[in-house]
N, C-alpha and C. Protein backbone atom coordinates (compact mmCIF):
# COMPACT_ATOMS: atom_id res chain seq x y z
N UNK A 1 103.72 132.36 86.86
CA UNK A 1 103.27 131.71 85.53
C UNK A 1 103.26 130.18 85.98
N UNK A 2 102.18 129.48 85.68
CA UNK A 2 102.33 127.90 86.03
C UNK A 2 103.27 127.04 85.14
N UNK A 3 103.91 125.82 85.73
CA UNK A 3 105.02 125.21 85.18
C UNK A 3 104.31 124.72 83.71
N UNK A 4 103.19 124.28 83.69
CA UNK A 4 102.65 123.67 82.55
C UNK A 4 102.55 124.46 81.35
N UNK A 5 102.17 125.87 81.75
CA UNK A 5 101.95 127.09 80.91
C UNK A 5 103.33 127.38 80.34
N UNK A 6 104.48 127.14 81.04
CA UNK A 6 105.92 127.45 80.67
C UNK A 6 106.08 126.55 79.74
N UNK A 7 106.13 125.06 80.07
CA UNK A 7 106.56 123.97 79.17
C UNK A 7 105.57 124.23 77.70
N UNK A 8 104.35 124.30 77.87
CA UNK A 8 103.47 124.70 76.58
C UNK A 8 103.97 125.90 75.67
N UNK A 9 104.26 126.95 76.40
CA UNK A 9 104.91 128.26 75.64
C UNK A 9 106.31 127.90 75.24
N UNK A 10 107.11 127.23 75.99
CA UNK A 10 108.20 126.73 75.28
C UNK A 10 108.16 125.98 74.33
N UNK A 11 107.30 124.96 74.03
CA UNK A 11 107.49 123.83 73.12
C UNK A 11 106.69 124.42 71.71
N UNK A 12 105.81 125.67 72.13
CA UNK A 12 105.08 126.10 71.09
C UNK A 12 106.09 127.42 70.28
N UNK A 13 106.75 127.90 70.97
CA UNK A 13 107.72 129.02 70.61
C UNK A 13 108.93 128.67 70.06
N UNK A 14 109.58 127.67 70.62
CA UNK A 14 111.19 127.03 70.43
C UNK A 14 111.03 126.22 69.42
N UNK A 15 110.32 125.12 69.40
CA UNK A 15 110.23 123.89 68.82
C UNK A 15 109.50 123.92 67.51
N UNK A 16 110.13 123.76 66.29
CA UNK A 16 109.33 123.72 65.21
C UNK A 16 108.41 122.77 64.92
N UNK A 17 107.35 122.83 64.36
CA UNK A 17 106.10 122.21 64.25
C UNK A 17 106.30 120.48 64.28
N UNK A 18 107.16 120.08 63.41
CA UNK A 18 107.24 118.71 63.00
C UNK A 18 108.10 118.34 64.53
N UNK A 19 108.93 118.96 64.78
CA UNK A 19 109.56 118.48 66.10
C UNK A 19 108.67 118.58 67.29
N UNK A 20 107.93 119.58 67.41
CA UNK A 20 106.70 119.74 68.46
C UNK A 20 106.00 118.47 68.37
N UNK A 21 105.56 117.85 67.33
CA UNK A 21 104.87 116.75 67.29
C UNK A 21 105.62 115.42 67.90
N UNK A 22 106.79 115.48 67.63
CA UNK A 22 107.74 114.41 68.11
C UNK A 22 107.91 114.75 69.70
N UNK A 23 108.18 115.71 70.03
CA UNK A 23 108.26 116.11 71.60
C UNK A 23 106.94 115.73 72.15
N UNK A 24 105.77 115.98 71.65
CA UNK A 24 104.67 115.80 72.44
C UNK A 24 104.24 114.48 72.35
N UNK A 25 104.85 113.47 71.36
CA UNK A 25 104.72 112.07 71.40
C UNK A 25 105.43 111.35 72.50
N UNK A 26 106.64 112.13 73.07
CA UNK A 26 107.30 111.47 74.08
C UNK A 26 107.04 112.09 75.47
N UNK A 27 106.72 113.38 75.42
CA UNK A 27 106.35 114.10 76.63
C UNK A 27 104.79 114.71 76.68
N UNK A 28 104.45 114.99 77.89
CA UNK A 28 103.18 115.32 78.08
C UNK A 28 103.14 116.88 78.04
N UNK A 29 102.47 117.37 77.30
CA UNK A 29 102.58 119.17 77.19
C UNK A 29 102.26 119.86 78.27
N UNK A 30 101.50 119.42 79.23
CA UNK A 30 101.11 120.27 80.37
C UNK A 30 102.25 119.97 81.20
N UNK A 31 102.89 118.82 81.57
CA UNK A 31 103.75 118.72 82.80
C UNK A 31 105.07 118.66 82.27
N UNK A 32 105.31 118.16 81.17
CA UNK A 32 106.77 117.93 80.63
C UNK A 32 107.47 116.56 80.89
N UNK A 33 106.37 115.75 81.34
CA UNK A 33 106.82 114.43 82.11
C UNK A 33 106.73 113.51 80.78
N UNK A 34 107.61 112.27 80.88
CA UNK A 34 107.56 111.46 79.91
C UNK A 34 106.15 110.81 79.60
N UNK A 35 105.91 110.22 78.31
CA UNK A 35 104.86 109.55 77.98
C UNK A 35 105.36 108.10 78.16
N UNK A 36 104.36 107.16 77.38
CA UNK A 36 104.67 105.65 77.43
C UNK A 36 105.76 105.27 76.53
N UNK A 37 106.02 105.90 75.61
CA UNK A 37 107.18 105.50 74.81
C UNK A 37 108.59 105.63 75.55
N UNK A 38 108.74 106.86 76.09
CA UNK A 38 109.92 107.25 76.85
C UNK A 38 109.84 106.46 78.11
N UNK A 39 108.78 106.33 78.68
CA UNK A 39 108.59 105.55 79.86
C UNK A 39 109.19 103.98 79.79
N UNK A 40 108.76 103.44 78.76
CA UNK A 40 109.10 102.01 78.38
C UNK A 40 110.77 101.97 78.31
N UNK A 41 111.21 102.97 77.55
CA UNK A 41 112.65 103.06 77.34
C UNK A 41 113.40 103.42 78.78
N UNK A 42 113.03 104.26 79.54
CA UNK A 42 113.64 104.52 80.77
C UNK A 42 113.34 103.39 81.85
N UNK A 43 112.31 102.51 81.65
CA UNK A 43 112.04 101.51 82.42
C UNK A 43 113.26 100.24 81.85
N UNK A 44 113.33 100.12 80.75
CA UNK A 44 114.44 98.92 80.29
C UNK A 44 115.69 99.40 80.54
N UNK A 45 116.15 100.67 80.67
CA UNK A 45 117.35 101.02 81.07
C UNK A 45 117.58 100.82 82.59
N UNK A 46 116.46 101.07 83.53
CA UNK A 46 116.57 100.84 84.81
C UNK A 46 116.82 99.50 85.25
N UNK A 47 116.03 98.80 84.32
CA UNK A 47 116.14 97.23 84.52
C UNK A 47 117.45 96.72 84.31
N UNK A 48 118.08 97.10 83.10
CA UNK A 48 119.35 96.58 82.81
C UNK A 48 120.45 97.08 83.73
N UNK A 49 120.30 98.41 84.34
CA UNK A 49 121.28 98.71 85.41
C UNK A 49 120.99 97.77 86.69
N UNK A 50 119.68 97.75 87.30
CA UNK A 50 119.69 96.91 88.34
C UNK A 50 120.11 95.55 88.52
N UNK A 51 120.16 95.00 86.96
CA UNK A 51 120.48 93.60 86.97
C UNK A 51 122.08 93.71 86.99
N UNK A 52 122.72 94.56 86.33
CA UNK A 52 124.12 94.66 86.67
C UNK A 52 124.57 94.71 87.98
N UNK A 53 123.77 95.71 88.69
CA UNK A 53 124.26 95.90 90.15
C UNK A 53 123.69 95.14 91.23
N UNK A 54 122.85 94.07 90.91
CA UNK A 54 122.05 93.34 91.66
C UNK A 54 121.20 93.91 92.72
N UNK A 55 120.42 95.05 92.04
CA UNK A 55 119.25 95.74 92.66
C UNK A 55 118.13 95.30 92.10
N UNK A 56 116.95 96.09 92.56
CA UNK A 56 115.70 95.82 92.09
C UNK A 56 115.32 97.17 91.57
N UNK A 57 113.78 97.14 90.62
CA UNK A 57 113.28 98.54 90.25
C UNK A 57 112.02 98.24 90.66
N UNK A 58 111.49 99.34 91.29
CA UNK A 58 109.98 99.37 91.58
C UNK A 58 109.25 100.27 90.55
N UNK A 59 107.99 99.65 90.29
CA UNK A 59 107.19 100.43 89.36
C UNK A 59 106.02 100.74 90.37
N UNK A 60 105.57 102.04 90.25
CA UNK A 60 104.28 102.57 91.04
C UNK A 60 103.45 103.07 90.11
N UNK A 61 102.08 102.54 89.89
CA UNK A 61 101.12 103.24 89.19
C UNK A 61 100.10 103.92 90.05
N UNK A 62 99.99 105.02 89.94
CA UNK A 62 98.96 105.99 90.69
C UNK A 62 97.74 106.17 89.68
N UNK A 63 96.74 105.38 89.72
CA UNK A 63 95.60 105.44 88.99
C UNK A 63 94.37 106.15 89.52
N UNK A 64 93.54 106.88 88.53
CA UNK A 64 92.36 107.43 88.93
C UNK A 64 92.56 108.62 90.25
N UNK A 65 93.83 109.40 89.82
CA UNK A 65 94.16 110.31 91.08
C UNK A 65 93.22 111.50 91.20
N UNK A 66 92.63 111.75 92.41
CA UNK A 66 91.81 112.51 92.69
C UNK A 66 91.89 113.23 94.21
N UNK A 67 91.56 114.54 94.37
CA UNK A 67 91.55 115.07 95.58
C UNK A 67 90.76 114.55 96.53
N UNK A 68 90.61 114.73 97.71
CA UNK A 68 89.81 114.27 98.74
C UNK A 68 88.32 114.53 98.49
N UNK A 69 88.28 115.80 97.99
CA UNK A 69 86.97 116.16 97.41
C UNK A 69 86.36 115.41 96.38
N UNK A 70 87.17 114.75 95.48
CA UNK A 70 86.60 114.06 94.47
C UNK A 70 86.96 114.82 93.12
N UNK A 71 87.67 115.96 93.22
CA UNK A 71 88.01 116.61 92.08
C UNK A 71 89.41 116.13 91.48
N UNK A 72 89.73 116.51 90.25
CA UNK A 72 91.07 116.41 89.64
C UNK A 72 92.01 117.29 90.52
N UNK A 73 93.12 116.83 90.99
CA UNK A 73 94.14 117.71 91.61
C UNK A 73 94.93 118.63 90.65
N UNK A 74 95.26 119.80 91.21
CA UNK A 74 96.15 120.70 90.55
C UNK A 74 97.18 119.73 89.76
N UNK A 75 97.46 119.68 88.50
CA UNK A 75 98.40 118.68 88.18
C UNK A 75 99.94 118.84 88.51
N UNK A 76 100.25 120.29 88.24
CA UNK A 76 101.59 120.88 88.49
C UNK A 76 102.00 120.73 90.03
N UNK A 77 100.90 120.83 90.98
CA UNK A 77 101.20 120.79 92.16
C UNK A 77 101.52 119.09 92.36
N UNK A 78 100.78 118.50 92.21
CA UNK A 78 100.68 117.06 92.25
C UNK A 78 102.12 116.71 91.83
N UNK A 79 102.60 117.05 90.67
CA UNK A 79 103.55 116.31 89.92
C UNK A 79 104.91 116.87 90.95
N UNK A 80 104.72 118.35 91.29
CA UNK A 80 105.89 118.68 92.27
C UNK A 80 106.09 117.94 93.69
N UNK A 81 104.88 117.54 94.18
CA UNK A 81 104.71 116.72 95.34
C UNK A 81 105.51 115.18 95.02
N UNK A 82 104.98 114.57 93.82
CA UNK A 82 105.53 113.33 93.43
C UNK A 82 107.10 113.66 93.46
N UNK A 83 107.62 114.62 92.76
CA UNK A 83 109.21 114.80 92.65
C UNK A 83 109.80 114.93 93.89
N UNK A 84 108.98 115.56 94.91
CA UNK A 84 109.68 115.96 96.14
C UNK A 84 109.61 114.59 97.08
N UNK A 85 109.15 113.60 96.67
CA UNK A 85 108.99 112.26 97.23
C UNK A 85 109.92 111.25 96.71
N UNK A 86 110.55 111.63 95.57
CA UNK A 86 111.29 110.61 94.84
C UNK A 86 112.80 111.20 94.81
N UNK A 87 113.58 110.25 94.43
CA UNK A 87 114.92 110.83 94.20
C UNK A 87 114.91 111.31 92.62
N UNK A 88 116.07 112.17 92.57
CA UNK A 88 116.07 113.00 91.25
C UNK A 88 116.34 111.76 90.02
N UNK A 89 117.01 110.81 90.28
CA UNK A 89 117.12 109.83 89.16
C UNK A 89 116.07 108.75 88.97
N UNK A 90 115.03 108.93 89.61
CA UNK A 90 113.68 107.99 89.37
C UNK A 90 112.80 108.88 88.34
N UNK A 91 112.22 108.21 87.73
CA UNK A 91 111.41 108.73 86.70
C UNK A 91 109.82 108.64 87.03
N UNK A 92 109.13 109.89 86.55
CA UNK A 92 107.89 110.06 86.87
C UNK A 92 107.19 110.22 85.44
N UNK A 93 106.27 109.58 85.17
CA UNK A 93 105.45 109.86 83.75
C UNK A 93 103.97 109.96 83.88
N UNK A 94 103.42 110.63 82.92
CA UNK A 94 102.03 110.94 82.98
C UNK A 94 101.52 110.24 81.76
N UNK A 95 100.64 108.91 81.85
CA UNK A 95 100.46 108.21 81.08
C UNK A 95 98.94 108.51 80.69
N UNK A 96 98.25 109.20 81.50
CA UNK A 96 96.90 109.52 80.99
C UNK A 96 96.46 110.44 81.99
N UNK A 97 95.33 111.19 81.75
CA UNK A 97 94.85 112.40 82.67
C UNK A 97 95.12 112.07 84.03
N UNK A 98 94.69 111.27 84.62
CA UNK A 98 94.82 110.98 86.07
C UNK A 98 95.31 109.75 86.36
N UNK A 99 96.42 109.54 85.58
CA UNK A 99 97.30 108.26 85.78
C UNK A 99 98.70 108.69 85.73
N UNK A 100 99.54 108.24 86.66
CA UNK A 100 100.94 108.47 86.57
C UNK A 100 101.74 107.31 87.10
N UNK A 101 102.91 107.16 86.72
CA UNK A 101 103.86 106.19 86.97
C UNK A 101 105.13 106.64 87.34
N UNK A 102 105.60 106.01 88.38
CA UNK A 102 107.03 106.36 88.90
C UNK A 102 107.71 105.07 88.81
N UNK A 103 109.09 105.30 88.33
CA UNK A 103 110.10 104.20 88.38
C UNK A 103 111.28 104.45 89.38
N UNK A 104 111.21 103.77 90.27
CA UNK A 104 112.23 103.95 91.20
C UNK A 104 113.49 103.06 91.14
N UNK A 105 114.54 103.49 91.01
CA UNK A 105 115.90 102.62 90.52
C UNK A 105 116.51 102.17 91.83
N UNK A 106 117.09 101.41 91.76
CA UNK A 106 118.34 100.93 93.14
C UNK A 106 117.63 100.57 94.24
N UNK A 107 116.53 99.73 94.10
CA UNK A 107 115.65 99.30 95.29
C UNK A 107 116.70 98.18 95.85
N UNK A 108 116.85 98.13 97.10
CA UNK A 108 117.81 97.05 97.71
C UNK A 108 116.93 95.92 98.11
N UNK A 109 115.85 96.41 99.13
CA UNK A 109 115.08 95.46 99.72
C UNK A 109 113.41 95.58 99.43
N UNK A 110 112.61 94.72 99.56
CA UNK A 110 111.38 94.82 99.10
C UNK A 110 110.78 95.70 100.09
N UNK A 111 111.32 95.77 101.25
CA UNK A 111 110.72 96.80 102.39
C UNK A 111 110.94 98.26 101.98
N UNK A 112 111.87 98.38 101.33
CA UNK A 112 112.18 99.84 100.71
C UNK A 112 111.30 100.11 99.85
N UNK A 113 110.69 99.52 98.86
CA UNK A 113 109.71 99.76 97.68
C UNK A 113 108.46 99.92 98.61
N UNK A 114 108.13 99.06 99.54
CA UNK A 114 107.16 99.33 100.52
C UNK A 114 106.74 100.92 101.06
N UNK A 115 108.28 101.17 101.72
CA UNK A 115 108.21 102.64 102.26
C UNK A 115 108.06 103.46 101.31
N UNK A 116 108.51 103.26 100.10
CA UNK A 116 108.23 104.60 98.98
C UNK A 116 107.03 104.70 98.69
N UNK A 117 106.04 103.63 98.56
CA UNK A 117 104.71 103.52 98.27
C UNK A 117 103.96 104.18 99.57
N UNK A 118 104.44 103.90 100.62
CA UNK A 118 103.74 104.73 101.71
C UNK A 118 103.80 106.20 101.71
N UNK A 119 105.13 106.52 101.59
CA UNK A 119 105.64 107.98 101.27
C UNK A 119 104.65 108.72 100.18
N UNK A 120 104.43 108.08 98.97
CA UNK A 120 103.88 108.60 97.94
C UNK A 120 102.32 108.69 98.41
N UNK A 121 101.75 107.60 99.10
CA UNK A 121 100.33 108.05 99.32
C UNK A 121 100.08 108.80 100.27
N UNK A 122 100.88 108.83 101.58
CA UNK A 122 100.63 109.74 102.63
C UNK A 122 100.91 111.25 102.16
N UNK A 123 101.92 111.42 101.39
CA UNK A 123 102.51 112.94 101.00
C UNK A 123 102.01 113.64 100.16
N UNK A 124 101.19 112.84 99.01
CA UNK A 124 100.57 113.61 98.12
C UNK A 124 99.09 114.29 98.00
N UNK A 125 98.64 113.71 99.39
CA UNK A 125 97.33 114.53 99.50
C UNK A 125 96.13 114.05 98.35
N UNK A 126 96.14 112.91 98.03
CA UNK A 126 95.27 112.57 96.85
C UNK A 126 94.73 111.22 97.20
N UNK A 127 93.77 110.83 96.75
CA UNK A 127 93.02 109.58 96.65
C UNK A 127 93.36 108.91 95.56
N UNK A 128 93.68 107.79 95.27
CA UNK A 128 94.04 106.92 93.94
C UNK A 128 94.22 105.41 93.96
N UNK A 129 94.34 104.92 93.05
CA UNK A 129 94.38 103.44 93.10
C UNK A 129 96.05 103.06 92.96
N UNK A 130 96.61 102.37 93.72
CA UNK A 130 98.12 102.24 93.78
C UNK A 130 98.18 100.92 93.44
N UNK A 131 99.20 100.74 92.17
CA UNK A 131 99.56 99.28 92.12
C UNK A 131 101.07 99.48 92.05
N UNK A 132 101.86 98.31 92.51
CA UNK A 132 103.34 98.15 92.63
C UNK A 132 103.62 96.95 92.15
N UNK A 133 104.65 97.11 91.43
CA UNK A 133 105.52 95.89 90.87
C UNK A 133 106.89 95.93 91.10
N UNK A 134 107.64 94.92 91.37
CA UNK A 134 109.11 94.81 91.84
C UNK A 134 109.74 93.79 90.92
N UNK A 135 110.83 94.20 90.33
CA UNK A 135 111.56 93.56 89.50
C UNK A 135 112.18 92.48 90.06
N UNK A 136 112.30 91.41 89.50
CA UNK A 136 112.78 89.98 90.01
C UNK A 136 114.00 89.45 89.31
N UNK A 137 114.57 90.22 88.39
CA UNK A 137 115.70 89.76 87.50
C UNK A 137 115.10 89.15 86.35
N UNK A 138 115.43 89.52 85.15
CA UNK A 138 115.03 89.20 83.94
C UNK A 138 113.90 89.63 83.38
N UNK A 139 113.33 90.41 84.03
CA UNK A 139 111.98 91.29 83.80
C UNK A 139 112.19 92.12 82.52
N UNK A 140 111.13 92.36 81.90
CA UNK A 140 111.26 93.35 80.87
C UNK A 140 110.14 94.50 81.25
N UNK A 141 110.24 95.61 80.36
CA UNK A 141 109.52 96.57 81.10
C UNK A 141 107.92 96.62 80.79
N UNK A 142 107.61 96.11 79.76
CA UNK A 142 106.11 95.70 79.41
C UNK A 142 105.47 94.90 80.49
N UNK A 143 106.17 93.85 80.91
CA UNK A 143 105.80 93.03 81.79
C UNK A 143 105.61 93.67 83.20
N UNK A 144 106.75 94.35 83.59
CA UNK A 144 106.74 94.95 85.19
C UNK A 144 105.56 96.11 85.16
N UNK A 145 105.50 96.84 83.94
CA UNK A 145 104.46 97.84 84.08
C UNK A 145 102.98 97.45 83.87
N UNK A 146 102.80 96.20 83.02
CA UNK A 146 101.44 95.71 83.28
C UNK A 146 101.18 95.09 84.55
N UNK A 147 101.99 94.34 85.37
CA UNK A 147 101.70 93.91 86.44
C UNK A 147 101.33 95.27 87.45
N UNK A 148 102.01 96.19 87.78
CA UNK A 148 101.63 97.34 88.22
C UNK A 148 100.39 97.94 88.10
N UNK A 149 100.02 98.14 86.59
CA UNK A 149 98.64 98.55 86.13
C UNK A 149 97.50 97.55 86.51
N UNK A 150 97.94 96.42 86.42
CA UNK A 150 96.53 95.21 86.83
C UNK A 150 96.38 95.43 88.26
N UNK A 151 97.42 95.38 89.20
CA UNK A 151 97.58 95.61 90.49
C UNK A 151 96.70 96.80 91.05
N UNK A 152 96.86 97.80 90.32
CA UNK A 152 96.17 99.18 90.58
C UNK A 152 94.66 99.14 90.17
N UNK A 153 94.49 98.32 89.24
CA UNK A 153 92.86 98.42 88.79
C UNK A 153 92.19 97.35 89.68
N UNK A 154 92.82 96.58 90.31
CA UNK A 154 92.33 95.66 91.62
C UNK A 154 92.14 96.20 92.62
N UNK A 155 92.73 97.24 92.96
CA UNK A 155 92.94 97.84 94.21
C UNK A 155 91.89 98.95 94.55
N UNK A 156 91.16 99.04 95.67
CA UNK A 156 90.26 100.39 96.11
C UNK A 156 91.28 101.46 96.09
N UNK A 157 90.61 102.71 95.93
CA UNK A 157 91.36 103.71 96.13
C UNK A 157 91.88 104.10 97.35
N UNK A 158 93.26 104.28 97.44
CA UNK A 158 94.04 104.61 98.81
C UNK A 158 93.89 105.85 99.15
N UNK A 159 93.71 106.35 100.30
CA UNK A 159 93.87 107.58 100.78
C UNK A 159 95.09 107.90 101.44
């Protein structure tokens, strides 16, 4: 059974209707990934932690995600690949049908953020617009996410 079908069946059978509405406001029903509201919260938490330990947070926006043939990728497989290329405490969110955001905690050097970006593009077997924003201390989640989104919209699809 596909992961998305399991998540959807679970949310339909276990969670009462009003709680399901709340669940689907925070999580994508197909993938179980966070949506905007939860992404903002997790980004704020990551930024606060990074400031305490003198590290950085990297935000990666993968927009207009398509396979090399131009079709929409199998979402479950794509998400599994993303997870395989990030650490377990990093956050992946689905904010639109073909747009995903990864929040990577505990970035020590700018070079580390670039290496993660390279790994995401090379190992996910998709073409997408990639935007990256790196915290610099004192950032808020909305500003950092907006910077990454704007960069993604200015770039040509990366293969």
